[in-house]
Amino acid sequence: MADPNWTSLLPPLLAIVLAVWTRQVFVALGAGIWLGGCLISHGHPLAGAQVAIDLIVKVLEDGDNARVVLFTFVIGALIGTVESCGGVKGFINWIDDSGWMTSPRRAQLLVWLTGVLIFIESNITILVAGALARPLFDRFKISRERLAYLIDSTAAPVCMLIPLNAW
C-alpha cells in the first residue's frame, strides 16, 4: 500500500455523497469500502472487491466485533418479536388509556424517560426507545430525525454515567 495522500479521503466522501443522494446507507458504505479496496489494489475493480471482502471478514473474525454484531442482531430480533406479538401496540394502548400521552411534548418526554430508565446498554436503549416511541412520534407528526436525536442524546450518555451497566 502506498503512503497516505488525498485519495484516502475518496472512500468516505463517496459513502457520504451516496448516502445523502440515494438514502441507501448500506449501499453507500459498501461502495466506499469497495473504492477503498480499489485504491489499495492500485485501481483494479475486481481486486478491490476482493480486498473489501477480506477487510469485512477480518473485522468479523475479531471475537469482540463478532459479539457486538451478534448481540445487536439478537436484541433486534427480540424487539422485532415483541413488536410482531403486539407488545409495543399493547404498551401504546396502555399509555393511551392512562390518559398521560396527550401531547407531542409528552411523547418526547417518554423517549427521555426510556433513555434514563433502561441503562443496561446503549444499543438496548436505542432499540427499545425507538420501537416504543416511533408510533407515538408518527401520530403526533414529530419527525423521525427528532426521535433519533432524542434517543442518541440520552442512550449512550446515560449509560456512561451509570456505573452498573454493560459499558
N, C-alpha and C. Protein backbone atom coordinates (compact mmCIF):
# COMPACT_ATOMS: atom_id res chain seq x y z
N MET A 1 0.85 -1.18 0.00
CA MET A 1 0.00 0.00 0.00
C MET A 1 0.89 1.24 0.00
N ALA A 2 0.48 2.23 -0.74
CA ALA A 2 1.27 3.46 -0.87
C ALA A 2 1.08 4.34 0.36
N ASP A 3 1.91 5.37 0.43
CA ASP A 3 1.77 6.33 1.51
C ASP A 3 0.41 7.02 1.40
N PRO A 4 -0.19 7.37 2.55
CA PRO A 4 -1.49 8.05 2.50
C PRO A 4 -1.38 9.40 1.80
N ASN A 5 -2.37 9.72 1.01
CA ASN A 5 -2.44 11.03 0.37
C ASN A 5 -3.90 11.43 0.26
N TRP A 6 -4.19 12.42 -0.55
CA TRP A 6 -5.55 12.95 -0.64
C TRP A 6 -6.55 11.90 -1.12
N THR A 7 -6.10 10.87 -1.83
CA THR A 7 -7.04 9.85 -2.33
C THR A 7 -7.65 9.03 -1.19
N SER A 8 -7.02 9.05 -0.02
CA SER A 8 -7.59 8.32 1.11
C SER A 8 -8.89 8.95 1.59
N LEU A 9 -9.18 10.18 1.16
CA LEU A 9 -10.44 10.83 1.51
C LEU A 9 -11.59 10.43 0.58
N LEU A 10 -11.26 9.81 -0.54
CA LEU A 10 -12.30 9.48 -1.52
C LEU A 10 -13.33 8.45 -1.02
N PRO A 11 -12.92 7.35 -0.37
CA PRO A 11 -13.94 6.38 0.09
C PRO A 11 -14.98 6.97 1.05
N PRO A 12 -14.57 7.71 2.10
CA PRO A 12 -15.61 8.27 2.96
C PRO A 12 -16.45 9.34 2.25
N LEU A 13 -15.82 10.12 1.37
CA LEU A 13 -16.60 11.12 0.63
C LEU A 13 -17.63 10.45 -0.27
N LEU A 14 -17.23 9.37 -0.96
CA LEU A 14 -18.17 8.64 -1.79
C LEU A 14 -19.32 8.09 -0.95
N ALA A 15 -18.99 7.51 0.20
CA ALA A 15 -20.02 6.95 1.07
C ALA A 15 -21.00 8.02 1.54
N ILE A 16 -20.50 9.18 1.92
CA ILE A 16 -21.37 10.26 2.39
C ILE A 16 -22.25 10.78 1.27
N VAL A 17 -21.65 11.04 0.12
CA VAL A 17 -22.42 11.57 -1.02
C VAL A 17 -23.49 10.57 -1.45
N LEU A 18 -23.12 9.30 -1.57
CA LEU A 18 -24.10 8.29 -1.98
C LEU A 18 -25.20 8.12 -0.93
N ALA A 19 -24.86 8.17 0.34
CA ALA A 19 -25.87 8.02 1.39
C ALA A 19 -26.88 9.16 1.33
N VAL A 20 -26.39 10.37 1.13
CA VAL A 20 -27.30 11.52 1.04
C VAL A 20 -28.11 11.47 -0.24
N TRP A 21 -27.47 11.11 -1.34
CA TRP A 21 -28.13 11.12 -2.64
C TRP A 21 -29.14 9.99 -2.79
N THR A 22 -28.76 8.77 -2.41
CA THR A 22 -29.63 7.61 -2.62
C THR A 22 -30.46 7.25 -1.40
N ARG A 23 -30.06 7.72 -0.23
CA ARG A 23 -30.70 7.36 1.03
C ARG A 23 -30.62 5.85 1.30
N GLN A 24 -29.62 5.22 0.74
CA GLN A 24 -29.33 3.80 0.96
C GLN A 24 -27.97 3.69 1.64
N VAL A 25 -27.98 3.69 2.95
CA VAL A 25 -26.73 3.77 3.70
C VAL A 25 -25.85 2.54 3.48
N PHE A 26 -26.43 1.36 3.47
CA PHE A 26 -25.62 0.15 3.30
C PHE A 26 -24.96 0.11 1.93
N VAL A 27 -25.70 0.50 0.90
CA VAL A 27 -25.12 0.56 -0.44
C VAL A 27 -23.99 1.58 -0.47
N ALA A 28 -24.21 2.73 0.15
CA ALA A 28 -23.19 3.78 0.17
C ALA A 28 -21.94 3.32 0.91
N LEU A 29 -22.12 2.69 2.06
CA LEU A 29 -20.96 2.19 2.80
C LEU A 29 -20.23 1.11 2.01
N GLY A 30 -20.99 0.23 1.38
CA GLY A 30 -20.37 -0.81 0.55
C GLY A 30 -19.56 -0.21 -0.59
N ALA A 31 -20.11 0.82 -1.22
CA ALA A 31 -19.38 1.48 -2.31
C ALA A 31 -18.11 2.15 -1.79
N GLY A 32 -18.18 2.75 -0.62
CA GLY A 32 -16.99 3.36 -0.03
C GLY A 32 -15.93 2.33 0.30
N ILE A 33 -16.35 1.19 0.85
CA ILE A 33 -15.39 0.12 1.15
C ILE A 33 -14.78 -0.42 -0.13
N TRP A 34 -15.62 -0.61 -1.15
CA TRP A 34 -15.11 -1.10 -2.44
C TRP A 34 -14.10 -0.12 -3.04
N LEU A 35 -14.42 1.19 -3.00
CA LEU A 35 -13.48 2.17 -3.54
C LEU A 35 -12.16 2.14 -2.76
N GLY A 36 -12.25 1.99 -1.45
CA GLY A 36 -11.03 1.85 -0.65
C GLY A 36 -10.23 0.63 -1.07
N GLY A 37 -10.93 -0.47 -1.32
CA GLY A 37 -10.26 -1.68 -1.80
C GLY A 37 -9.60 -1.47 -3.15
N CYS A 38 -10.28 -0.72 -4.02
CA CYS A 38 -9.70 -0.41 -5.34
C CYS A 38 -8.44 0.43 -5.18
N LEU A 39 -8.46 1.38 -4.27
CA LEU A 39 -7.27 2.21 -4.05
C LEU A 39 -6.11 1.37 -3.51
N ILE A 40 -6.43 0.45 -2.60
CA ILE A 40 -5.39 -0.42 -2.04
C ILE A 40 -4.80 -1.33 -3.13
N SER A 41 -5.67 -1.78 -4.05
CA SER A 41 -5.21 -2.71 -5.10
C SER A 41 -4.79 -1.97 -6.37
N HIS A 42 -4.47 -0.69 -6.24
CA HIS A 42 -3.94 0.12 -7.35
C HIS A 42 -4.91 0.24 -8.52
N GLY A 43 -6.20 0.39 -8.22
CA GLY A 43 -7.18 0.70 -9.25
C GLY A 43 -7.83 -0.48 -9.94
N HIS A 44 -7.61 -1.68 -9.48
CA HIS A 44 -8.23 -2.86 -10.10
C HIS A 44 -9.58 -3.13 -9.44
N PRO A 45 -10.70 -3.00 -10.19
CA PRO A 45 -12.04 -3.14 -9.59
C PRO A 45 -12.31 -4.51 -8.96
N LEU A 46 -11.95 -5.59 -9.64
CA LEU A 46 -12.21 -6.91 -9.08
C LEU A 46 -11.31 -7.19 -7.88
N ALA A 47 -10.07 -6.80 -7.98
CA ALA A 47 -9.16 -6.96 -6.84
C ALA A 47 -9.63 -6.07 -5.68
N GLY A 48 -10.20 -4.91 -6.01
CA GLY A 48 -10.75 -4.03 -4.98
C GLY A 48 -11.91 -4.67 -4.25
N ALA A 49 -12.75 -5.39 -5.00
CA ALA A 49 -13.87 -6.10 -4.37
C ALA A 49 -13.35 -7.18 -3.44
N GLN A 50 -12.32 -7.89 -3.87
CA GLN A 50 -11.73 -8.94 -3.04
C GLN A 50 -11.11 -8.35 -1.78
N VAL A 51 -10.41 -7.23 -1.91
CA VAL A 51 -9.82 -6.57 -0.74
C VAL A 51 -10.93 -6.12 0.21
N ALA A 52 -12.02 -5.57 -0.33
CA ALA A 52 -13.13 -5.11 0.51
C ALA A 52 -13.73 -6.28 1.29
N ILE A 53 -13.94 -7.40 0.61
CA ILE A 53 -14.49 -8.59 1.29
C ILE A 53 -13.52 -9.08 2.36
N ASP A 54 -12.24 -9.11 2.04
CA ASP A 54 -11.24 -9.54 3.02
C ASP A 54 -11.23 -8.64 4.25
N LEU A 55 -11.39 -7.33 4.04
CA LEU A 55 -11.40 -6.40 5.17
C LEU A 55 -12.63 -6.62 6.05
N ILE A 56 -13.78 -6.85 5.43
CA ILE A 56 -15.01 -7.10 6.19
C ILE A 56 -14.87 -8.38 7.00
N VAL A 57 -14.36 -9.44 6.36
CA VAL A 57 -14.16 -10.71 7.07
C VAL A 57 -13.17 -10.54 8.21
N LYS A 58 -12.12 -9.78 7.99
CA LYS A 58 -11.11 -9.54 9.03
C LYS A 58 -11.74 -8.86 10.25
N VAL A 59 -12.63 -7.91 10.01
CA VAL A 59 -13.30 -7.23 11.12
C VAL A 59 -14.17 -8.22 11.89
N LEU A 60 -14.91 -9.07 11.16
CA LEU A 60 -15.81 -10.01 11.83
C LEU A 60 -15.08 -11.19 12.47
N GLU A 61 -13.83 -11.44 12.08
CA GLU A 61 -13.05 -12.51 12.71
C GLU A 61 -12.66 -12.16 14.14
N ASP A 62 -12.58 -10.88 14.44
CA ASP A 62 -12.27 -10.46 15.80
C ASP A 62 -13.46 -10.83 16.70
N GLY A 63 -13.19 -11.56 17.76
CA GLY A 63 -14.25 -12.05 18.63
C GLY A 63 -15.11 -10.95 19.23
N ASP A 64 -14.49 -9.86 19.64
CA ASP A 64 -15.26 -8.77 20.24
C ASP A 64 -16.21 -8.14 19.22
N ASN A 65 -15.72 -7.91 18.01
CA ASN A 65 -16.58 -7.34 16.97
C ASN A 65 -17.72 -8.29 16.64
N ALA A 66 -17.42 -9.58 16.53
CA ALA A 66 -18.46 -10.56 16.22
C ALA A 66 -19.51 -10.60 17.33
N ARG A 67 -19.09 -10.49 18.59
CA ARG A 67 -20.04 -10.47 19.70
C ARG A 67 -20.96 -9.26 19.64
N VAL A 68 -20.41 -8.10 19.31
CA VAL A 68 -21.22 -6.89 19.21
C VAL A 68 -22.26 -7.04 18.10
N VAL A 69 -21.84 -7.55 16.95
CA VAL A 69 -22.78 -7.74 15.83
C VAL A 69 -23.85 -8.76 16.21
N LEU A 70 -23.45 -9.88 16.80
CA LEU A 70 -24.40 -10.91 17.20
C LEU A 70 -25.36 -10.37 18.27
N PHE A 71 -24.84 -9.65 19.24
CA PHE A 71 -25.67 -9.07 20.30
C PHE A 71 -26.72 -8.13 19.70
N THR A 72 -26.30 -7.31 18.75
CA THR A 72 -27.23 -6.38 18.11
C THR A 72 -28.31 -7.13 17.35
N PHE A 73 -27.93 -8.19 16.63
CA PHE A 73 -28.92 -9.00 15.91
C PHE A 73 -29.92 -9.64 16.87
N VAL A 74 -29.42 -10.20 17.97
CA VAL A 74 -30.29 -10.89 18.92
C VAL A 74 -31.25 -9.91 19.58
N ILE A 75 -30.75 -8.77 20.01
CA ILE A 75 -31.63 -7.77 20.63
C ILE A 75 -32.65 -7.26 19.61
N GLY A 76 -32.19 -7.01 18.38
CA GLY A 76 -33.11 -6.59 17.33
C GLY A 76 -34.18 -7.63 17.06
N ALA A 77 -33.80 -8.91 17.05
CA ALA A 77 -34.78 -9.98 16.84
C ALA A 77 -35.77 -10.05 17.99
N LEU A 78 -35.28 -9.87 19.21
CA LEU A 78 -36.18 -9.88 20.37
C LEU A 78 -37.18 -8.73 20.30
N ILE A 79 -36.71 -7.55 19.97
CA ILE A 79 -37.61 -6.41 19.87
C ILE A 79 -38.57 -6.59 18.70
N GLY A 80 -38.09 -7.15 17.58
CA GLY A 80 -38.98 -7.45 16.46
C GLY A 80 -40.06 -8.45 16.84
N THR A 81 -39.69 -9.44 17.65
CA THR A 81 -40.67 -10.42 18.13
C THR A 81 -41.71 -9.76 19.01
N VAL A 82 -41.27 -8.91 19.91
CA VAL A 82 -42.21 -8.19 20.79
C VAL A 82 -43.15 -7.33 19.95
N GLU A 83 -42.62 -6.65 18.93
CA GLU A 83 -43.46 -5.84 18.05
C GLU A 83 -44.46 -6.71 17.30
N SER A 84 -44.00 -7.84 16.76
CA SER A 84 -44.87 -8.73 15.99
C SER A 84 -45.97 -9.34 16.85
N CYS A 85 -45.66 -9.60 18.11
CA CYS A 85 -46.65 -10.19 19.02
C CYS A 85 -47.60 -9.15 19.60
N GLY A 86 -47.39 -7.89 19.28
CA GLY A 86 -48.30 -6.85 19.75
C GLY A 86 -47.90 -6.19 21.05
N GLY A 87 -46.69 -6.46 21.53
CA GLY A 87 -46.26 -5.88 22.80
C GLY A 87 -46.14 -4.37 22.76
N VAL A 88 -45.60 -3.85 21.66
CA VAL A 88 -45.45 -2.39 21.53
C VAL A 88 -46.82 -1.74 21.42
N LYS A 89 -47.69 -2.34 20.60
CA LYS A 89 -49.05 -1.79 20.45
C LYS A 89 -49.79 -1.84 21.79
N GLY A 90 -49.59 -2.92 22.54
CA GLY A 90 -50.20 -3.03 23.86
C GLY A 90 -49.71 -1.94 24.80
N PHE A 91 -48.40 -1.66 24.76
CA PHE A 91 -47.85 -0.59 25.60
C PHE A 91 -48.43 0.76 25.20
N ILE A 92 -48.51 1.00 23.89
CA ILE A 92 -49.07 2.27 23.41
C ILE A 92 -50.53 2.39 23.83
N ASN A 93 -51.30 1.30 23.71
CA ASN A 93 -52.70 1.33 24.15
C ASN A 93 -52.79 1.58 25.65
N TRP A 94 -51.92 0.94 26.43
CA TRP A 94 -51.93 1.13 27.87
C TRP A 94 -51.63 2.58 28.24
N ILE A 95 -50.64 3.16 27.58
CA ILE A 95 -50.27 4.54 27.90
C ILE A 95 -51.36 5.51 27.43
N ASP A 96 -52.06 5.16 26.32
CA ASP A 96 -53.19 5.98 25.87
C ASP A 96 -54.35 5.90 26.85
N ASP A 97 -54.64 4.69 27.33
CA ASP A 97 -55.75 4.51 28.27
C ASP A 97 -55.50 5.22 29.59
N SER A 98 -54.24 5.38 29.95
CA SER A 98 -53.94 6.07 31.21
C SER A 98 -54.21 7.56 31.11
N GLY A 99 -54.34 8.07 29.88
CA GLY A 99 -54.61 9.49 29.68
C GLY A 99 -53.37 10.37 29.78
N TRP A 100 -52.21 9.75 29.87
CA TRP A 100 -50.98 10.53 30.05
C TRP A 100 -50.44 11.06 28.73
N MET A 101 -50.60 10.32 27.64
CA MET A 101 -50.00 10.69 26.36
C MET A 101 -50.95 11.62 25.61
N THR A 102 -50.86 12.91 25.91
CA THR A 102 -51.81 13.87 25.34
C THR A 102 -51.16 14.90 24.43
N SER A 103 -49.84 14.92 24.36
CA SER A 103 -49.19 15.97 23.57
C SER A 103 -47.87 15.49 23.00
N PRO A 104 -47.38 16.19 21.98
CA PRO A 104 -46.06 15.86 21.44
C PRO A 104 -44.95 15.99 22.48
N ARG A 105 -45.09 16.93 23.38
CA ARG A 105 -44.07 17.12 24.42
C ARG A 105 -43.97 15.88 25.31
N ARG A 106 -45.11 15.27 25.62
CA ARG A 106 -45.09 14.08 26.46
C ARG A 106 -44.50 12.88 25.71
N ALA A 107 -44.73 12.81 24.41
CA ALA A 107 -44.11 11.74 23.62
C ALA A 107 -42.59 11.87 23.67
N GLN A 108 -42.09 13.09 23.59
CA GLN A 108 -40.65 13.31 23.67
C GLN A 108 -40.13 13.02 25.08
N LEU A 109 -40.93 13.33 26.08
CA LEU A 109 -40.55 13.03 27.46
C LEU A 109 -40.45 11.52 27.67
N LEU A 110 -41.34 10.76 27.02
CA LEU A 110 -41.28 9.30 27.12
C LEU A 110 -39.95 8.77 26.58
N VAL A 111 -39.48 9.35 25.48
CA VAL A 111 -38.18 8.94 24.93
C VAL A 111 -37.08 9.21 25.94
N TRP A 112 -37.11 10.37 26.54
CA TRP A 112 -36.10 10.73 27.53
C TRP A 112 -36.16 9.78 28.73
N LEU A 113 -37.37 9.51 29.23
CA LEU A 113 -37.52 8.60 30.36
C LEU A 113 -37.03 7.20 30.03
N THR A 114 -37.33 6.74 28.83
CA THR A 114 -36.86 5.42 28.41
C THR A 114 -35.34 5.39 28.40
N GLY A 115 -34.73 6.45 27.90
CA GLY A 115 -33.27 6.52 27.87
C GLY A 115 -32.65 6.53 29.26
N VAL A 116 -33.34 7.14 30.21
CA VAL A 116 -32.82 7.22 31.58
C VAL A 116 -33.08 5.93 32.35
N LEU A 117 -34.24 5.31 32.14
CA LEU A 117 -34.60 4.14 32.93
C LEU A 117 -34.01 2.83 32.42
N ILE A 118 -33.78 2.72 31.12
CA ILE A 118 -33.19 1.49 30.56
C ILE A 118 -31.73 1.79 30.27
N PHE A 119 -30.89 1.58 31.26
CA PHE A 119 -29.48 1.96 31.13
C PHE A 119 -28.57 0.75 31.08
N ILE A 120 -29.10 -0.42 30.76
CA ILE A 120 -28.29 -1.64 30.75
C ILE A 120 -27.17 -1.52 29.73
N GLU A 121 -27.52 -1.09 28.53
CA GLU A 121 -26.55 -0.99 27.44
C GLU A 121 -27.13 -0.02 26.42
N SER A 122 -26.30 0.80 25.81
CA SER A 122 -26.80 1.86 24.94
C SER A 122 -27.54 1.31 23.72
N ASN A 123 -27.09 0.19 23.15
CA ASN A 123 -27.81 -0.37 22.00
C ASN A 123 -29.21 -0.82 22.38
N ILE A 124 -29.36 -1.43 23.55
CA ILE A 124 -30.69 -1.84 24.01
C ILE A 124 -31.57 -0.61 24.18
N THR A 125 -31.03 0.42 24.79
CA THR A 125 -31.80 1.65 24.99
C THR A 125 -32.26 2.22 23.66
N ILE A 126 -31.37 2.27 22.70
CA ILE A 126 -31.71 2.83 21.39
C ILE A 126 -32.83 2.02 20.73
N LEU A 127 -32.69 0.70 20.73
CA LEU A 127 -33.68 -0.14 20.07
C LEU A 127 -35.04 -0.10 20.77
N VAL A 128 -35.03 -0.16 22.10
CA VAL A 128 -36.30 -0.15 22.85
C VAL A 128 -36.99 1.20 22.72
N ALA A 129 -36.24 2.28 22.92
CA ALA A 129 -36.85 3.61 22.83
C ALA A 129 -37.38 3.87 21.42
N GLY A 130 -36.65 3.44 20.41
CA GLY A 130 -37.12 3.62 19.03
C GLY A 130 -38.39 2.85 18.76
N ALA A 131 -38.44 1.60 19.22
CA ALA A 131 -39.64 0.78 18.99
C ALA A 131 -40.85 1.34 19.72
N LEU A 132 -40.65 1.81 20.94
CA LEU A 132 -41.77 2.34 21.72
C LEU A 132 -42.26 3.69 21.22
N ALA A 133 -41.34 4.55 20.85
CA ALA A 133 -41.71 5.93 20.55
C ALA A 133 -42.08 6.16 19.09
N ARG A 134 -41.65 5.31 18.18
CA ARG A 134 -41.92 5.54 16.75
C ARG A 134 -43.41 5.72 16.46
N PRO A 135 -44.30 4.84 16.96
CA PRO A 135 -45.73 5.06 16.68
C PRO A 135 -46.27 6.36 17.27
N LEU A 136 -45.78 6.74 18.44
CA LEU A 136 -46.23 7.99 19.05
C LEU A 136 -45.74 9.19 18.26
N PHE A 137 -44.50 9.15 17.84
CA PHE A 137 -43.96 10.26 17.05
C PHE A 137 -44.70 10.38 15.72
N ASP A 138 -45.03 9.24 15.12
CA ASP A 138 -45.80 9.28 13.87
C ASP A 138 -47.18 9.88 14.11
N ARG A 139 -47.82 9.50 15.20
CA ARG A 139 -49.16 10.01 15.50
C ARG A 139 -49.15 11.51 15.74
N PHE A 140 -48.16 11.99 16.46
CA PHE A 140 -48.08 13.42 16.76
C PHE A 140 -47.34 14.22 15.68
N LYS A 141 -46.98 13.54 14.59
CA LYS A 141 -46.30 14.17 13.45
C LYS A 141 -44.99 14.87 13.87
N ILE A 142 -44.24 14.18 14.72
CA ILE A 142 -42.90 14.64 15.09
C ILE A 142 -41.93 13.89 14.19
N SER A 143 -40.93 14.56 13.70
CA SER A 143 -40.03 13.95 12.71
C SER A 143 -39.23 12.80 13.32
N ARG A 144 -38.92 11.84 12.47
CA ARG A 144 -38.08 10.71 12.89
C ARG A 144 -36.67 11.19 13.22
N GLU A 145 -36.25 12.27 12.58
CA GLU A 145 -34.93 12.82 12.89
C GLU A 145 -34.88 13.30 14.33
N ARG A 146 -35.96 13.92 14.78
CA ARG A 146 -36.03 14.38 16.17
C ARG A 146 -35.99 13.18 17.12
N LEU A 147 -36.72 12.13 16.76
CA LEU A 147 -36.69 10.91 17.57
C LEU A 147 -35.27 10.37 17.67
N ALA A 148 -34.58 10.30 16.54
CA ALA A 148 -33.20 9.80 16.53
C ALA A 148 -32.30 10.68 17.40
N TYR A 149 -32.48 11.98 17.31
CA TYR A 149 -31.66 12.90 18.11
C TYR A 149 -31.91 12.70 19.61
N LEU A 150 -33.18 12.61 19.99
CA LEU A 150 -33.51 12.45 21.41
C LEU A 150 -32.98 11.12 21.95
N ILE A 151 -33.12 10.07 21.16
CA ILE A 151 -32.62 8.77 21.61
C ILE A 151 -31.10 8.81 21.74
N ASP A 152 -30.44 9.34 20.73
CA ASP A 152 -28.98 9.36 20.74
C ASP A 152 -28.42 10.23 21.85
N SER A 153 -29.13 11.30 22.19
CA SER A 153 -28.61 12.20 23.22
C SER A 153 -28.89 11.71 24.63
N THR A 154 -29.66 10.62 24.78
CA THR A 154 -29.87 10.07 26.12
C THR A 154 -29.26 8.68 26.29
N ALA A 155 -29.21 7.87 25.24
CA ALA A 155 -28.81 6.46 25.39
C ALA A 155 -27.38 6.31 25.90
N ALA A 156 -26.41 6.65 25.10
CA ALA A 156 -25.01 6.45 25.48
C ALA A 156 -24.58 7.34 26.65
N PRO A 157 -24.96 8.63 26.68
CA PRO A 157 -24.53 9.44 27.82
C PRO A 157 -25.01 8.91 29.17
N VAL A 158 -26.26 8.45 29.23
CA VAL A 158 -26.77 7.92 30.50
C VAL A 158 -26.05 6.63 30.85
N CYS A 159 -25.83 5.77 29.86
CA CYS A 159 -25.11 4.51 30.13
C CYS A 159 -23.71 4.77 30.66
N MET A 160 -23.06 5.80 30.18
CA MET A 160 -21.71 6.10 30.65
C MET A 160 -21.72 6.65 32.08
N LEU A 161 -22.81 7.29 32.48
CA LEU A 161 -22.88 7.88 33.82
C LEU A 161 -23.22 6.86 34.90
N ILE A 162 -23.92 5.79 34.52
CA ILE A 162 -24.34 4.78 35.50
C ILE A 162 -23.22 3.74 35.63
N PRO A 163 -22.69 3.53 36.82
CA PRO A 163 -21.56 2.60 36.95
C PRO A 163 -21.93 1.13 36.70
N LEU A 164 -23.16 0.73 36.93
CA LEU A 164 -23.56 -0.67 36.78
C LEU A 164 -24.27 -0.87 35.45
N ASN A 165 -23.51 -1.02 34.39
CA ASN A 165 -24.09 -1.29 33.08
C ASN A 165 -23.09 -2.08 32.25
N ALA A 166 -23.44 -2.33 31.00
CA ALA A 166 -22.59 -3.17 30.14
C ALA A 166 -21.37 -2.44 29.61
N TRP A 167 -21.26 -1.14 29.83
CA TRP A 167 -20.09 -0.40 29.34
C TRP A 167 -18.92 -0.81 30.17
